[in-house]
Amino acid sequence: KSSSEVHIKSITEITSLCKEFRSKDKKIVFTNGCFDILHAGHVKYLEAAKSYGDILILGLNSDRSVSALKGKNRPINSQIDRACILAALEVVDYVVIFDEEDPYNLIKATKPDILVKGSDYKDKTVIGEDLVEELILVDFIEGQSSTNTIEKIRKNN
């Protein structure tokens, strides 16, 4: 396994690791998303998420769930490629690919202390907020999104 692949875990593996972290009083932070085309907005978001605890677990939407959420032409990058890139980031401790439409079961299994989502969830119900001690909403960087990047590429072709 490459060094990034060591940080990609199954739900069973991450559940076991989380029990270990809790026994050592480590604060577990969870966030999730598609992270289709990684950009500076993603990196800053993940850096902010990590700042709230000791261990950052990223729930990554599977290819099937990204297609269900974003449409048949997505994702651009496969779940394995996205997971490897994210796992290589120093700020991300573990990546777990999930296939459901939402990460509720993964959040329930990992039992994080803090759930981090983007500020676009302000005044909305966040899936899994009932399972954590704290929900933190992080501001996005204006104009930074995979959708915007894809549109820019399409316009230039």
Protein backbone atom coordinates (compact mmCIF):
# COMPACT_ATOMS: atom_id res chain seq x y z
CA LYS A 1 0.00 0.00 0.00
CA SER A 2 1.15 3.54 -0.73
CA SER A 3 1.38 5.99 2.16
CA SER A 4 -1.90 7.63 1.15
CA GLU A 5 -3.71 4.27 0.90
CA VAL A 6 -2.79 3.51 4.52
CA HIS A 7 -5.16 6.33 5.47
CA ILE A 8 -8.11 4.89 3.52
CA LYS A 9 -10.17 2.69 5.85
CA SER A 10 -13.27 0.53 5.69
CA ILE A 11 -16.18 1.32 8.00
CA THR A 12 -15.19 -1.64 10.19
CA GLU A 13 -11.57 -0.44 10.44
CA ILE A 14 -12.49 3.17 11.22
CA THR A 15 -15.05 2.11 13.85
CA SER A 16 -12.34 0.15 15.64
CA LEU A 17 -9.85 3.04 15.37
CA CYS A 18 -12.42 5.49 16.76
CA LYS A 19 -12.90 3.32 19.86
CA GLU A 20 -9.14 3.46 20.37
CA PHE A 21 -9.05 7.26 19.88
CA ARG A 22 -11.89 7.78 22.37
CA SER A 23 -10.07 5.65 24.96
CA LYS A 24 -7.12 8.07 24.59
CA ASP A 25 -9.40 11.13 24.92
CA LYS A 26 -8.76 12.23 21.33
CA LYS A 27 -11.34 14.62 19.91
CA ILE A 28 -12.75 13.15 16.67
CA VAL A 29 -13.97 15.48 13.92
CA PHE A 30 -16.04 14.19 11.00
CA THR A 31 -16.89 15.79 7.70
CA ASN A 32 -18.07 14.39 4.40
CA GLY A 33 -18.59 15.21 0.77
CA CYS A 34 -17.92 14.35 -2.86
CA PHE A 35 -14.60 16.23 -3.27
CA ASP A 36 -14.74 15.51 -7.01
CA ILE A 37 -12.13 17.95 -8.28
CA LEU A 38 -9.94 19.08 -5.40
CA HIS A 39 -9.38 22.85 -5.20
CA ALA A 40 -8.10 25.42 -2.70
CA GLY A 41 -11.58 25.84 -1.23
CA HIS A 42 -11.62 22.15 -0.27
CA VAL A 43 -8.16 22.38 1.31
CA LYS A 44 -9.05 25.45 3.39
CA TYR A 45 -12.32 23.82 4.46
CA LEU A 46 -10.48 20.66 5.56
CA GLU A 47 -7.84 22.70 7.40
CA ALA A 48 -10.61 24.50 9.27
CA ALA A 49 -12.35 21.20 10.08
CA LYS A 50 -9.14 19.66 11.45
CA SER A 51 -8.54 22.69 13.68
CA TYR A 52 -11.51 21.68 15.87
CA GLY A 53 -10.06 18.37 17.04
CA ASP A 54 -7.29 15.78 17.04
CA ILE A 55 -8.44 13.32 14.37
CA LEU A 56 -10.17 14.30 11.11
CA ILE A 57 -12.23 11.58 9.45
CA LEU A 58 -13.52 12.35 5.97
CA GLY A 59 -16.54 10.40 4.73
CA LEU A 60 -16.23 10.29 0.94
CA ASN A 61 -19.25 9.71 -1.27
CA SER A 62 -18.84 6.67 -3.51
CA ASP A 63 -19.04 7.05 -7.28
CA ARG A 64 -22.62 5.75 -7.22
CA SER A 65 -23.72 8.22 -4.55
CA VAL A 66 -21.99 11.16 -6.31
CA SER A 67 -23.90 10.30 -9.52
CA ALA A 68 -27.15 10.17 -7.55
CA LEU A 69 -26.44 13.59 -6.00
CA LYS A 70 -24.75 15.45 -8.89
CA GLY A 71 -26.02 13.76 -12.06
CA LYS A 72 -24.92 11.08 -14.51
CA ASN A 73 -21.79 12.93 -15.69
CA ARG A 74 -20.29 12.98 -12.21
CA PRO A 75 -17.97 12.19 -10.62
CA ILE A 76 -15.14 13.26 -12.89
CA ASN A 77 -12.59 11.39 -10.73
CA SER A 78 -13.18 7.86 -9.41
CA GLN A 79 -13.74 7.23 -5.70
CA ILE A 80 -10.31 5.56 -5.42
CA ASP A 81 -8.57 8.53 -7.08
CA ARG A 82 -10.47 11.01 -4.90
CA ALA A 83 -9.72 8.96 -1.76
CA CYS A 84 -5.98 8.75 -2.56
CA ILE A 85 -5.68 12.49 -3.16
CA LEU A 86 -7.58 13.35 0.04
CA ALA A 87 -5.71 10.77 2.12
CA ALA A 88 -2.41 12.28 0.97
CA LEU A 89 -3.33 15.63 2.54
CA GLU A 90 -1.54 16.11 5.85
CA VAL A 91 -4.68 17.54 7.43
CA VAL A 92 -6.85 14.45 6.69
CA ASP A 93 -6.23 11.56 9.06
CA TYR A 94 -8.57 8.98 7.51
CA VAL A 95 -10.83 8.66 4.48
CA VAL A 96 -13.80 6.27 4.48
CA ILE A 97 -15.82 5.72 1.29
CA PHE A 98 -19.55 5.32 1.89
CA ASP A 99 -22.17 4.24 -0.64
CA GLU A 100 -25.39 5.51 0.96
CA GLU A 101 -27.08 8.75 -0.09
CA ASP A 102 -26.05 10.30 3.22
CA PRO A 103 -23.39 9.59 5.87
CA TYR A 104 -25.79 8.92 8.77
CA ASN A 105 -24.74 5.29 9.31
CA LEU A 106 -21.06 6.21 9.06
CA ILE A 107 -21.48 9.00 11.61
CA LYS A 108 -23.38 6.61 13.88
CA ALA A 109 -20.56 4.04 13.58
CA THR A 110 -17.69 6.47 14.16
CA LYS A 111 -19.38 8.51 16.93
CA PRO A 112 -17.39 11.70 16.33
CA ASP A 113 -17.38 14.52 18.86
CA ILE A 114 -17.75 17.23 16.22
CA LEU A 115 -19.48 17.29 12.84
CA VAL A 116 -18.25 19.93 10.37
CA LYS A 117 -20.20 21.02 7.32
CA GLY A 118 -20.16 24.00 4.98
CA SER A 119 -21.98 27.20 5.83
CA ASP A 120 -24.46 26.43 3.03
CA TYR A 121 -26.14 24.23 5.68
CA LYS A 122 -27.01 27.28 7.81
CA ASP A 123 -30.70 27.13 8.82
CA LYS A 124 -30.94 23.56 7.46
CA THR A 125 -31.02 20.23 9.25
CA VAL A 126 -27.63 18.55 8.99
CA ILE A 127 -27.69 14.78 8.74
CA GLY A 128 -26.04 13.32 11.82
CA GLU A 129 -26.21 16.45 13.97
CA ASP A 130 -28.34 14.43 16.44
CA LEU A 131 -25.40 12.04 16.93
CA VAL A 132 -22.66 14.52 17.87
CA GLU A 133 -21.85 16.89 20.72
CA GLU A 134 -21.25 19.82 18.39
CA LEU A 135 -22.03 20.93 14.84
CA ILE A 136 -19.70 23.52 13.30
CA LEU A 137 -20.43 25.27 10.01
CA VAL A 138 -17.39 26.50 8.07
CA ASP A 139 -17.55 29.30 5.49
CA PHE A 140 -16.73 28.40 1.91
CA ILE A 141 -14.42 30.44 -0.27
CA GLU A 142 -16.42 32.47 -2.77
CA GLY A 143 -16.38 31.01 -6.29
CA GLN A 144 -14.54 27.83 -5.33
CA SER A 145 -16.43 24.67 -6.30
CA SER A 146 -15.94 21.57 -8.43
CA THR A 147 -18.99 22.62 -10.47
CA ASN A 148 -17.41 26.03 -11.21
CA THR A 149 -14.13 24.33 -12.18
CA ILE A 150 -15.94 21.96 -14.56
CA GLU A 151 -17.83 24.89 -16.15
CA LYS A 152 -14.57 26.79 -16.62
CA ILE A 153 -13.01 23.77 -18.38
CA ARG A 154 -16.07 23.36 -20.62
CA LYS A 155 -16.00 27.04 -21.64
CA ASN A 156 -12.32 26.80 -22.56
CA ASN A 157 -12.85 23.84 -24.91
